[in-house]
Amino acid sequence: MENYFNQQKDVIFKDVEVLIYVFDVTKKLADIEEELNSYKLCLETLAEFSPEARVFVLIHKIDRIQDSK
C-alpha cells in the first residue's frame, strides 16, 4: 500500500469517480489504527487528485461485533 501513496498516487488516484473502502473489524487494535491511518491518507490523496469522487465505506464481518460493544 505504501507504494501507491509514495510513488504512484497520481496514477492511482487521478480521475477516480468512486472509492470503496472496506474495513475488517476483526483485526487487532494496532492493525485497526494502521488501517485508519491508511484510510485517512487515502481520503487526503483522493481529495488532491479527484476531489469530486464519491466515497463508500463498508464494514466487513460486522456481525462478529458483540451487541454490548
Protein backbone atom coordinates (compact mmCIF):
# COMPACT_ATOMS: atom_id res chain seq x y z
CA MET A 1 0.00 0.00 0.00
CA GLU A 2 2.87 2.36 0.76
CA ASN A 3 3.98 2.15 -2.88
CA TYR A 4 0.63 3.55 -4.01
CA PHE A 5 0.92 6.59 -1.78
CA ASN A 6 4.62 7.25 -2.31
CA GLN A 7 5.27 6.54 -5.98
CA GLN A 8 2.01 6.03 -7.86
CA LYS A 9 -0.57 8.24 -6.16
CA ASP A 10 -1.00 10.50 -9.18
CA VAL A 11 -1.70 7.46 -11.40
CA ILE A 12 -3.89 5.55 -8.94
CA PHE A 13 -5.98 8.44 -7.58
CA LYS A 14 -6.34 10.69 -10.64
CA ASP A 15 -9.81 10.84 -12.22
CA VAL A 16 -11.36 8.47 -9.68
CA GLU A 17 -15.14 8.57 -9.57
CA VAL A 18 -15.81 6.13 -6.72
CA LEU A 19 -13.70 4.82 -3.85
CA ILE A 20 -14.97 1.79 -1.95
CA TYR A 21 -13.01 1.28 1.25
CA VAL A 22 -13.50 -1.89 3.30
CA PHE A 23 -12.68 -2.16 6.99
CA ASP A 24 -12.29 -5.59 8.59
CA VAL A 25 -13.48 -5.25 12.18
CA THR A 26 -11.89 -8.49 13.34
CA LYS A 27 -8.38 -7.03 13.23
CA LYS A 28 -6.36 -6.30 16.35
CA LEU A 29 -6.45 -2.77 17.75
CA ALA A 30 -2.94 -1.92 16.47
CA ASP A 31 -3.94 -3.06 12.99
CA ILE A 32 -7.12 -1.01 13.12
CA GLU A 33 -5.16 2.13 13.98
CA GLU A 34 -2.89 1.48 10.99
CA GLU A 35 -5.98 0.89 8.85
CA LEU A 36 -7.48 4.21 9.98
CA ASN A 37 -4.23 5.97 9.07
CA SER A 38 -4.32 4.36 5.62
CA TYR A 39 -7.95 5.41 5.20
CA LYS A 40 -7.12 8.99 6.18
CA LEU A 41 -4.20 9.09 3.74
CA CYS A 42 -6.45 7.64 1.05
CA LEU A 43 -9.01 10.40 1.61
CA GLU A 44 -6.36 13.12 1.59
CA THR A 45 -4.83 11.81 -1.62
CA LEU A 46 -8.24 11.40 -3.21
CA ALA A 47 -9.13 15.00 -2.29
CA GLU A 48 -5.96 16.16 -4.02
CA PHE A 49 -6.35 14.23 -7.28
CA SER A 50 -10.11 13.53 -7.51
CA PRO A 51 -11.99 15.91 -5.22
CA GLU A 52 -15.38 15.07 -6.74
CA ALA A 53 -15.06 11.33 -6.06
CA ARG A 54 -17.74 9.62 -4.01
CA VAL A 55 -16.60 7.50 -1.07
CA PHE A 56 -18.35 4.41 0.25
CA VAL A 57 -17.17 2.65 3.40
CA LEU A 58 -18.03 -1.00 4.03
CA ILE A 59 -17.52 -2.82 7.30
CA HIS A 60 -16.61 -6.46 6.77
CA LYS A 61 -17.55 -9.02 9.43
CA ILE A 62 -19.62 -6.52 11.44
CA ASP A 63 -21.82 -9.43 12.52
CA ARG A 64 -18.93 -10.58 14.73
CA ILE A 65 -19.14 -7.48 16.93
CA GLN A 66 -20.98 -8.19 20.15
CA ASP A 67 -24.07 -6.06 20.82
CA SER A 68 -22.52 -4.74 24.04
CA LYS A 69 -19.66 -3.16 22.07
